């Protein structure tokens, strides 16, 4: 039961980071080195990052609610 609570909290933190940290900063750390002359992330990268953040939050909340029931 403690592992589910810890995992839920970690997933929520990761999700909130993906939502509220600038996609430009995430891209510059993770994917900028893969491009030649890339100035900023593509729109699809931004959308996928935001959607993935929401998925992490939903799964994290699901784990936390499942533990409390």
C-alpha atoms as a PDB file:
ATOM      1  CA  UNK A   1       0.000   0.000   0.000  1.00  0.00           C
ATOM      2  CA  UNK A   2       2.831   2.450   0.733  1.00  0.00           C
ATOM      3  CA  UNK A   3       4.389   1.733  -2.647  1.00  0.00           C
ATOM      4  CA  UNK A   4       1.181   2.746  -4.429  1.00  0.00           C
ATOM      5  CA  UNK A   5       1.026   6.023  -2.509  1.00  0.00           C
ATOM      6  CA  UNK A   6       4.658   6.824  -3.290  1.00  0.00           C
ATOM      7  CA  UNK A   7       4.202   5.883  -6.963  1.00  0.00           C
ATOM      8  CA  UNK A   8       1.046   8.016  -7.181  1.00  0.00           C
ATOM      9  CA  UNK A   9       2.814  11.032  -5.719  1.00  0.00           C
ATOM     10  CA  UNK A  10       5.815  10.608  -8.030  1.00  0.00           C
ATOM     11  CA  UNK A  11       3.594  10.261 -11.101  1.00  0.00           C
ATOM     12  CA  UNK A  12       1.650  13.377 -10.133  1.00  0.00           C
ATOM     13  CA  UNK A  13       4.865  15.365  -9.661  1.00  0.00           C
ATOM     14  CA  UNK A  14       6.192  14.223 -13.049  1.00  0.00           C
ATOM     15  CA  UNK A  15       2.862  15.092 -14.664  1.00  0.00           C
ATOM     16  CA  UNK A  16       2.766  18.565 -13.141  1.00  0.00           C
ATOM     17  CA  UNK A  17       6.354  19.153 -14.252  1.00  0.00           C
ATOM     18  CA  UNK A  18       5.450  18.178 -17.818  1.00  0.00           C
ATOM     19  CA  UNK A  19       2.477  20.546 -17.733  1.00  0.00           C
ATOM     20  CA  UNK A  20       4.016  23.574 -16.060  1.00  0.00           C
ATOM     21  CA  UNK A  21       7.674  23.534 -17.124  1.00  0.00           C
ATOM     22  CA  UNK A  22       8.231  25.218 -20.459  1.00  0.00           C
ATOM     23  CA  UNK A  23       8.313  22.710 -23.337  1.00  0.00           C
ATOM     24  CA  UNK A  24      11.303  24.642 -24.702  1.00  0.00           C
ATOM     25  CA  UNK A  25      13.325  23.799 -21.589  1.00  0.00           C
ATOM     26  CA  UNK A  26      12.298  20.134 -21.694  1.00  0.00           C
ATOM     27  CA  UNK A  27      13.147  19.967 -25.394  1.00  0.00           C
ATOM     28  CA  UNK A  28      16.516  21.651 -24.953  1.00  0.00           C
ATOM     29  CA  UNK A  29      17.508  19.086 -22.323  1.00  0.00           C
ATOM     30  CA  UNK A  30      16.109  15.961 -23.993  1.00  0.00           C
ATOM     31  CA  UNK A  31      15.989  16.401 -27.770  1.00  0.00           C
ATOM     32  CA  UNK A  32      17.915  19.469 -28.929  1.00  0.00           C
ATOM     33  CA  UNK A  33      21.110  17.495 -29.463  1.00  0.00           C
ATOM     34  CA  UNK A  34      19.298  15.305 -32.004  1.00  0.00           C
ATOM     35  CA  UNK A  35      18.550  18.172 -34.398  1.00  0.00           C
ATOM     36  CA  UNK A  36      20.800  20.147 -36.674  1.00  0.00           C
ATOM     37  CA  UNK A  37      20.107  23.869 -36.371  1.00  0.00           C
ATOM     38  CA  UNK A  38      16.895  23.370 -34.442  1.00  0.00           C
ATOM     39  CA  UNK A  39      15.734  26.530 -32.738  1.00  0.00           C
ATOM     40  CA  UNK A  40      12.652  25.275 -30.897  1.00  0.00           C
ATOM     41  CA  UNK A  41      10.506  22.162 -30.497  1.00  0.00           C
ATOM     42  CA  UNK A  42       7.847  21.250 -33.001  1.00  0.00           C
ATOM     43  CA  UNK A  43       4.180  21.746 -32.221  1.00  0.00           C
ATOM     44  CA  UNK A  44       3.688  17.985 -32.035  1.00  0.00           C
ATOM     45  CA  UNK A  45       6.374  17.768 -29.320  1.00  0.00           C
ATOM     46  CA  UNK A  46       4.554  20.400 -27.271  1.00  0.00           C
ATOM     47  CA  UNK A  47       1.182  18.657 -27.676  1.00  0.00           C
ATOM     48  CA  UNK A  48       2.576  15.219 -26.849  1.00  0.00           C
ATOM     49  CA  UNK A  49       4.371  16.622 -23.778  1.00  0.00           C
ATOM     50  CA  UNK A  50       1.167  18.211 -22.473  1.00  0.00           C
ATOM     51  CA  UNK A  51      -0.937  15.089 -23.145  1.00  0.00           C
ATOM     52  CA  UNK A  52       1.672  12.894 -21.464  1.00  0.00           C
ATOM     53  CA  UNK A  53       1.610  15.211 -18.441  1.00  0.00           C
ATOM     54  CA  UNK A  54      -2.162  14.798 -18.184  1.00  0.00           C
ATOM     55  CA  UNK A  55      -1.851  11.011 -18.475  1.00  0.00           C
ATOM     56  CA  UNK A  56       0.728  10.913 -15.684  1.00  0.00           C
ATOM     57  CA  UNK A  57      -1.504  13.020 -13.437  1.00  0.00           C
ATOM     58  CA  UNK A  58      -4.579  10.867 -14.115  1.00  0.00           C
ATOM     59  CA  UNK A  59      -2.688   7.641 -13.409  1.00  0.00           C
ATOM     60  CA  UNK A  60      -1.103   9.128 -10.282  1.00  0.00           C
ATOM     61  CA  UNK A  61      -4.451  10.315  -8.942  1.00  0.00           C
ATOM     62  CA  UNK A  62      -5.934   6.918  -9.783  1.00  0.00           C
ATOM     63  CA  UNK A  63      -3.254   5.226  -7.702  1.00  0.00           C
ATOM     64  CA  UNK A  64      -3.800   7.604  -4.809  1.00  0.00           C
ATOM     65  CA  UNK A  65      -7.596   7.245  -4.869  1.00  0.00           C
ATOM     66  CA  UNK A  66      -7.342   3.473  -5.222  1.00  0.00           C
ATOM     67  CA  UNK A  67      -5.206   3.318  -2.084  1.00  0.00           C
ATOM     68  CA  UNK A  68      -7.640   5.355  -0.046  1.00  0.00           C
ATOM     69  CA  UNK A  69     -10.663   3.204  -0.818  1.00  0.00           C
END
